[in-house]
N, C-alpha and C. Protein backbone atom coordinates (compact mmCIF):
# COMPACT_ATOMS: atom_id res chain seq x y z
N UNK A 1 30.17 145.62 76.12
CA UNK A 1 29.23 145.16 77.68
C UNK A 1 29.69 145.07 78.40
N UNK A 2 31.09 145.08 78.29
CA UNK A 2 31.52 145.53 79.57
C UNK A 2 31.44 146.77 80.56
N UNK A 3 31.02 147.73 79.54
CA UNK A 3 30.91 148.77 79.39
C UNK A 3 29.31 149.76 80.95
N UNK A 4 28.54 148.17 80.05
CA UNK A 4 27.35 148.37 81.02
C UNK A 4 27.60 147.73 82.21
N UNK A 5 28.26 147.02 82.74
CA UNK A 5 28.61 146.29 84.08
C UNK A 5 29.14 147.30 84.49
N UNK A 6 30.01 148.01 84.05
CA UNK A 6 31.24 148.98 84.94
C UNK A 6 29.89 149.67 85.35
N UNK A 7 29.40 150.43 84.74
CA UNK A 7 28.41 151.92 85.18
C UNK A 7 27.02 151.15 85.86
N UNK A 8 26.80 149.57 85.82
CA UNK A 8 25.75 149.34 87.08
C UNK A 8 26.89 149.32 88.16
N UNK A 9 27.77 148.80 88.36
CA UNK A 9 28.38 148.79 89.83
C UNK A 9 28.60 150.41 89.77
N UNK A 10 29.22 151.26 89.81
CA UNK A 10 29.45 152.23 89.76
C UNK A 10 27.92 152.87 90.25
N UNK A 11 26.80 153.06 89.66
CA UNK A 11 25.81 153.63 90.17
C UNK A 11 25.43 152.53 91.49
N UNK A 12 25.39 151.55 91.79
CA UNK A 12 25.17 150.68 93.05
C UNK A 12 26.16 151.29 93.89
N UNK A 13 26.88 151.31 93.92
CA UNK A 13 28.23 151.98 94.79
C UNK A 13 27.71 153.17 95.03
N UNK A 14 27.61 153.77 94.43
CA UNK A 14 26.83 155.60 94.86
C UNK A 14 25.58 155.40 95.04
N UNK A 15 24.33 154.52 95.27
CA UNK A 15 23.55 154.40 95.73
C UNK A 15 23.98 154.32 97.49
N UNK A 16 25.15 153.05 97.32
CA UNK A 16 24.98 152.69 98.77
C UNK A 16 25.71 153.39 99.43
N UNK A 17 26.35 154.23 98.90
CA UNK A 17 27.23 155.67 99.88
C UNK A 17 26.11 156.61 100.18
N UNK A 18 25.40 156.73 99.11
CA UNK A 18 24.43 157.31 99.79
C UNK A 18 23.29 157.29 100.80
N UNK A 19 22.94 156.15 100.44
CA UNK A 19 22.04 155.62 101.32
C UNK A 19 22.47 155.58 102.88
N UNK A 20 23.64 154.99 102.68
CA UNK A 20 24.42 155.11 104.26
C UNK A 20 24.81 156.00 104.39
N UNK A 21 25.42 157.40 103.83
CA UNK A 21 25.35 158.57 104.43
C UNK A 21 23.99 159.55 104.52
N UNK A 22 22.96 158.92 104.41
CA UNK A 22 21.34 160.09 104.36
C UNK A 22 22.04 160.92 103.48
N UNK A 23 22.55 160.87 102.75
CA UNK A 23 22.44 162.32 101.44
C UNK A 23 22.01 162.12 100.20
N UNK A 24 21.38 163.27 99.97
CA UNK A 24 20.70 162.81 98.09
C UNK A 24 18.96 163.01 97.92
N UNK A 25 18.72 162.56 99.01
CA UNK A 25 16.80 162.24 98.98
C UNK A 25 16.69 161.23 97.58
N UNK A 26 15.73 162.24 97.19
CA UNK A 26 15.28 160.93 95.81
C UNK A 26 16.15 160.80 95.08
N UNK A 27 17.28 161.24 94.73
CA UNK A 27 18.30 161.22 94.03
C UNK A 27 18.77 160.03 94.17
N UNK A 28 19.30 159.30 95.14
CA UNK A 28 19.90 158.09 95.59
C UNK A 28 18.54 157.16 95.34
N UNK A 29 17.71 157.07 95.19
CA UNK A 29 16.66 156.42 94.17
C UNK A 29 16.49 155.93 93.09
N UNK A 30 16.84 157.06 92.46
CA UNK A 30 16.95 157.35 91.00
C UNK A 30 18.02 157.02 90.61
N UNK A 31 19.42 156.43 91.33
CA UNK A 31 20.36 156.01 91.09
C UNK A 31 20.31 154.94 90.87
N UNK A 32 19.13 154.32 91.85
CA UNK A 32 19.48 152.72 92.15
C UNK A 32 18.59 152.20 90.72
N UNK A 33 17.11 152.98 90.40
CA UNK A 33 16.76 152.65 89.40
C UNK A 33 17.56 152.70 88.25
N UNK A 34 18.11 153.83 87.87
CA UNK A 34 19.11 153.52 86.77
C UNK A 34 19.80 152.67 86.47
N UNK A 35 20.38 152.17 87.46
CA UNK A 35 20.81 151.19 87.56
C UNK A 35 20.34 149.80 87.59
N UNK A 36 19.23 149.77 87.78
CA UNK A 36 18.04 148.20 87.46
C UNK A 36 17.71 148.09 85.94
N UNK A 37 17.36 149.00 85.39
CA UNK A 37 17.00 149.64 84.24
C UNK A 37 18.13 148.80 83.58
N UNK A 38 19.41 149.36 83.86
CA UNK A 38 20.80 148.76 82.62
C UNK A 38 20.61 147.53 83.14
N UNK A 39 20.64 147.00 84.45
CA UNK A 39 20.92 145.79 84.57
C UNK A 39 19.91 144.86 83.70
N UNK A 40 18.42 145.10 83.75
CA UNK A 40 18.11 144.64 82.83
C UNK A 40 17.69 144.58 81.26
N UNK A 41 17.83 145.55 80.96
CA UNK A 41 18.62 145.93 79.56
C UNK A 41 19.61 144.93 79.05
N UNK A 42 21.14 144.92 80.03
CA UNK A 42 21.72 143.93 80.12
C UNK A 42 21.44 142.28 80.17
N UNK A 43 20.27 142.10 80.79
CA UNK A 43 19.96 140.80 80.88
C UNK A 43 19.26 140.23 79.60
N UNK A 44 18.48 141.36 79.08
CA UNK A 44 17.02 141.26 78.31
C UNK A 44 18.17 141.08 76.49
N UNK A 45 19.46 141.43 76.89
CA UNK A 45 20.40 141.48 75.22
C UNK A 45 21.29 140.71 75.34
N UNK A 46 21.37 140.11 76.42
CA UNK A 46 22.10 138.63 76.43
C UNK A 46 23.45 139.10 75.99
N UNK A 47 24.60 137.85 76.07
CA UNK A 47 25.91 138.04 75.19
C UNK A 47 26.02 137.75 74.29
N UNK A 48 24.87 137.23 73.26
CA UNK A 48 24.96 137.01 72.12
C UNK A 48 24.84 138.39 71.00
N UNK A 49 24.68 139.34 71.80
CA UNK A 49 24.12 140.41 71.16
C UNK A 49 25.93 141.78 70.88
N UNK A 50 26.16 141.39 70.05
CA UNK A 50 27.87 142.31 70.04
C UNK A 50 27.18 143.23 68.77
N UNK A 51 28.20 144.12 69.30
CA UNK A 51 27.84 145.75 68.79
C UNK A 51 28.79 146.19 67.70
């Protein structure tokens, strides 16, 4: 579960860096969408889902 949160944080940080530096074009928004999908997935599965 911590891996998903780490991945979300990394993707959001990369998105912010790309957004502020004005590089990447559409890739920046794709990174944000991936981070949001992971966040929603994590919220839907909840803390009780242990693998």
